[in-house]
Amino acid sequence: MARGKFGGMGGGNMQQLMRQAQKMQEQLAKTQEELDLREYEAQSGGGMVKCKVNGKRELVELSINPGAVDSDDVEMLEDLVMAAVNEALRLGEETREQAMGAITGGMGGLL
């Protein structure tokens, strides 16, 4: 086998492939850092409950309009909070998937 060859593939091709993979990993890491800093806001109950989550999937802000507080119907308030938080998390995850997919071309699970 000729020097610098790997099983019929030119060594330069393998090195180029490795550089491309490394570049993609660097882009993914940078994008991940940027996404972690982003915030996503959602609301429920016509704005009675508002929340913000960050890209790390942490709740960072919660606002409840006093009109949403009914001591006889705590379950409704709980549902409003869950709906707002889940929507904000869904928005964040959707953004993350789109950003990562743009880099990997849909091969995110392979990296």
Protein backbone atom coordinates (compact mmCIF):
# COMPACT_ATOMS: atom_id res chain seq x y z
CA MET A 1 0.00 0.00 0.00
CA ALA A 2 1.32 3.40 -0.90
CA ARG A 3 2.38 5.70 1.89
CA GLY A 4 -0.40 7.98 3.17
CA LYS A 5 -3.20 5.83 1.76
CA PHE A 6 -5.98 4.29 3.82
CA GLY A 7 -7.68 1.30 2.21
CA GLY A 8 -7.80 2.81 -1.24
CA MET A 9 -8.88 6.25 -0.04
CA GLY A 10 -6.44 9.05 -0.48
CA GLY A 11 -5.01 10.29 2.81
CA GLY A 12 -5.85 13.84 1.79
CA ASN A 13 -9.51 12.94 1.47
CA MET A 14 -9.55 11.48 4.97
CA GLN A 15 -7.81 14.54 6.38
CA GLN A 16 -10.25 16.82 4.59
CA LEU A 17 -13.18 14.84 5.98
CA MET A 18 -11.73 15.08 9.49
CA ARG A 19 -11.28 18.86 9.12
CA GLN A 20 -14.87 19.21 7.96
CA ALA A 21 -16.11 17.15 10.92
CA GLN A 22 -14.05 19.25 13.33
CA LYS A 23 -15.39 22.47 11.79
CA MET A 24 -18.95 21.17 12.11
CA GLN A 25 -18.37 20.29 15.77
CA GLU A 26 -17.02 23.79 16.41
CA GLN A 27 -20.07 25.32 14.72
CA LEU A 28 -22.36 23.11 16.79
CA ALA A 29 -20.64 24.12 20.03
CA LYS A 30 -20.87 27.82 19.15
CA THR A 31 -24.52 27.53 18.16
CA GLN A 32 -25.26 25.60 21.36
CA GLU A 33 -23.74 28.40 23.44
CA GLU A 34 -25.76 31.02 21.57
CA LEU A 35 -28.98 29.03 21.97
CA ASP A 36 -28.38 28.61 25.71
CA LEU A 37 -28.40 32.42 26.05
CA ARG A 38 -31.66 32.96 24.17
CA GLU A 39 -34.97 33.44 25.95
CA TYR A 40 -38.38 32.27 24.80
CA GLU A 41 -41.61 33.82 26.01
CA ALA A 42 -45.11 32.38 26.00
CA GLN A 43 -48.45 33.12 27.58
CA SER A 44 -51.75 31.45 28.34
CA GLY A 45 -55.22 32.48 29.38
CA GLY A 46 -55.17 35.48 27.09
CA GLY A 47 -52.05 36.84 28.75
CA MET A 48 -53.13 36.08 32.33
CA VAL A 49 -49.99 33.96 32.77
CA LYS A 50 -46.70 34.81 31.06
CA CYS A 51 -43.36 33.12 31.34
CA LYS A 52 -39.85 33.12 29.94
CA VAL A 53 -37.50 30.18 29.67
CA ASN A 54 -33.92 30.19 28.50
CA GLY A 55 -32.16 27.91 26.07
CA LYS A 56 -30.98 25.78 28.97
CA ARG A 57 -34.65 24.91 29.54
CA GLU A 58 -34.82 26.87 32.80
CA LEU A 59 -37.79 28.98 33.84
CA VAL A 60 -36.36 32.48 34.31
CA GLU A 61 -39.50 34.60 34.67
CA LEU A 62 -43.12 33.99 35.63
CA SER A 63 -45.84 36.62 35.71
CA ILE A 64 -49.38 35.93 36.94
CA ASN A 65 -52.11 38.52 36.59
CA PRO A 66 -53.97 38.83 39.94
CA GLY A 67 -57.22 38.25 38.04
CA ALA A 68 -56.08 34.68 37.34
CA VAL A 69 -55.94 33.89 41.05
CA ASP A 70 -59.15 32.29 42.29
CA SER A 71 -58.85 30.45 45.57
CA ASP A 72 -61.84 28.31 44.58
CA ASP A 73 -60.17 27.20 41.32
CA VAL A 74 -56.46 26.68 41.91
CA GLU A 75 -56.44 23.94 39.25
CA MET A 76 -57.20 26.50 36.53
CA LEU A 77 -54.18 28.59 37.57
CA GLU A 78 -51.99 25.48 37.64
CA ASP A 79 -53.18 24.60 34.12
CA LEU A 80 -52.46 28.13 32.87
CA VAL A 81 -48.93 28.04 34.31
CA MET A 82 -48.22 24.62 32.82
CA ALA A 83 -49.58 25.67 29.42
CA ALA A 84 -47.43 28.81 29.29
CA VAL A 85 -44.25 27.05 30.46
CA ASN A 86 -44.73 24.11 28.11
CA GLU A 87 -45.31 26.44 25.15
CA ALA A 88 -42.16 28.43 25.93
CA LEU A 89 -40.15 25.21 26.22
CA ARG A 90 -41.62 23.96 22.93
CA LEU A 91 -40.63 27.19 21.19
CA GLY A 92 -37.10 26.87 22.53
CA GLU A 93 -36.78 23.25 21.46
CA GLU A 94 -38.14 24.00 17.99
CA THR A 95 -35.61 26.80 17.56
CA ARG A 96 -32.80 24.54 18.79
CA GLU A 97 -33.74 21.76 16.35
CA GLN A 98 -33.89 24.17 13.42
CA ALA A 99 -30.53 25.77 14.26
CA MET A 100 -28.75 22.46 14.76
CA GLY A 101 -30.38 20.93 11.67
CA ALA A 102 -29.13 23.83 9.57
CA ILE A 103 -25.57 22.94 10.58
CA THR A 104 -25.78 19.15 10.44
CA GLY A 105 -28.14 18.81 7.53
CA GLY A 106 -30.30 16.52 9.66
CA MET A 107 -27.40 14.32 10.80
CA GLY A 108 -27.42 15.63 14.40
CA GLY A 109 -27.80 12.15 15.87
CA LEU A 110 -24.65 10.97 14.15
CA LEU A 111 -22.36 13.55 15.76
